[in-house]
Amino acid sequence: MGQLMLLFRCLGCDDTGAVTTDWVAASSLSLLLGMMVGYAVFNIGVSSLVVEVNALIVSADDIDPGTATPMNDGG
């Protein structure tokens, strides 16, 4: 029983793997944050941009070129 308690005390004092654990946690947090930002930019920003461009294209298709008046080029 004494050797088991000594082993647990030594394991509690040994912090050689703590830096690795910190780096793994920091790396996974930064990766998760990057994925969230990428999702927000591409899913929300790009999709609204696509909707706006599509609306402009549809409204441009509705213009009848035969009724358009030519621009005066000042010549």
Protein backbone atom coordinates (compact mmCIF):
# COMPACT_ATOMS: atom_id res chain seq x y z
CA MET A 1 0.00 0.00 0.00
CA GLY A 2 2.89 2.34 0.76
CA GLN A 3 4.39 1.92 -2.71
CA LEU A 4 1.05 2.72 -4.35
CA MET A 5 0.72 5.95 -2.37
CA LEU A 6 4.31 6.87 -3.30
CA LEU A 7 3.48 6.25 -6.97
CA PHE A 8 0.43 8.54 -6.82
CA ARG A 9 2.49 11.26 -5.14
CA CYS A 10 5.14 11.04 -7.84
CA LEU A 11 2.53 11.18 -10.59
CA GLY A 12 1.02 14.29 -9.03
CA CYS A 13 4.42 16.02 -8.96
CA ASP A 14 5.41 15.04 -12.52
CA ASP A 15 4.26 17.76 -14.94
CA THR A 16 6.40 16.96 -17.98
CA GLY A 17 3.36 16.40 -20.24
CA ALA A 18 1.52 19.54 -19.14
CA VAL A 19 3.03 21.74 -21.87
CA THR A 20 1.98 19.27 -24.55
CA THR A 21 -1.54 19.18 -23.16
CA ASP A 22 -1.68 22.99 -23.15
CA TRP A 23 -0.52 23.16 -26.78
CA VAL A 24 -3.08 20.56 -27.86
CA ALA A 25 -5.86 22.51 -26.15
CA ALA A 26 -4.70 25.84 -27.62
CA SER A 27 -4.34 24.37 -31.11
CA SER A 28 -7.77 22.76 -31.07
CA LEU A 29 -9.32 26.00 -29.78
CA SER A 30 -7.74 28.06 -32.55
CA LEU A 31 -8.79 25.48 -35.17
CA LEU A 32 -12.36 25.53 -33.87
CA LEU A 33 -12.41 29.34 -33.92
CA GLY A 34 -11.12 29.36 -37.50
CA MET A 35 -13.79 26.90 -38.57
CA MET A 36 -16.50 29.04 -36.96
CA VAL A 37 -15.26 32.19 -38.71
CA GLY A 38 -14.99 30.36 -42.03
CA TYR A 39 -18.52 29.04 -41.67
CA ALA A 40 -19.86 32.49 -40.84
CA VAL A 41 -18.09 34.15 -43.76
CA PHE A 42 -18.88 31.59 -46.43
CA ASN A 43 -22.32 30.50 -45.31
CA ILE A 44 -23.82 33.82 -44.27
CA GLY A 45 -21.80 36.39 -46.23
CA VAL A 46 -21.44 34.59 -49.53
CA SER A 47 -25.00 33.29 -49.63
CA SER A 48 -26.45 36.78 -49.10
CA LEU A 49 -24.11 38.10 -51.78
CA VAL A 50 -25.30 35.39 -54.17
CA VAL A 51 -28.93 36.31 -53.46
CA GLU A 52 -28.24 40.00 -54.18
CA VAL A 53 -26.36 39.27 -57.42
CA ASN A 54 -29.11 36.90 -58.53
CA ALA A 55 -31.73 39.61 -57.91
CA LEU A 56 -29.70 42.08 -59.99
CA ILE A 57 -29.38 39.60 -62.84
CA VAL A 58 -33.11 38.85 -62.79
CA SER A 59 -33.97 42.56 -62.80
CA ALA A 60 -31.53 43.14 -65.67
CA ASP A 61 -33.19 40.34 -67.66
CA ASP A 62 -36.54 42.11 -67.29
CA ILE A 63 -35.33 45.16 -69.24
CA ASP A 64 -36.56 45.19 -72.85
CA PRO A 65 -33.67 46.37 -75.06
CA GLY A 66 -36.09 47.61 -77.72
CA THR A 67 -37.53 50.27 -75.41
CA ALA A 68 -34.21 51.54 -74.10
CA THR A 69 -33.18 55.01 -75.23
CA PRO A 70 -29.65 55.46 -76.57
CA MET A 71 -27.27 57.53 -74.49
CA ASN A 72 -26.04 60.82 -75.90
CA ASP A 73 -22.27 60.58 -76.25
CA GLY A 74 -21.86 64.33 -76.52
CA GLY A 75 -20.69 64.15 -80.12
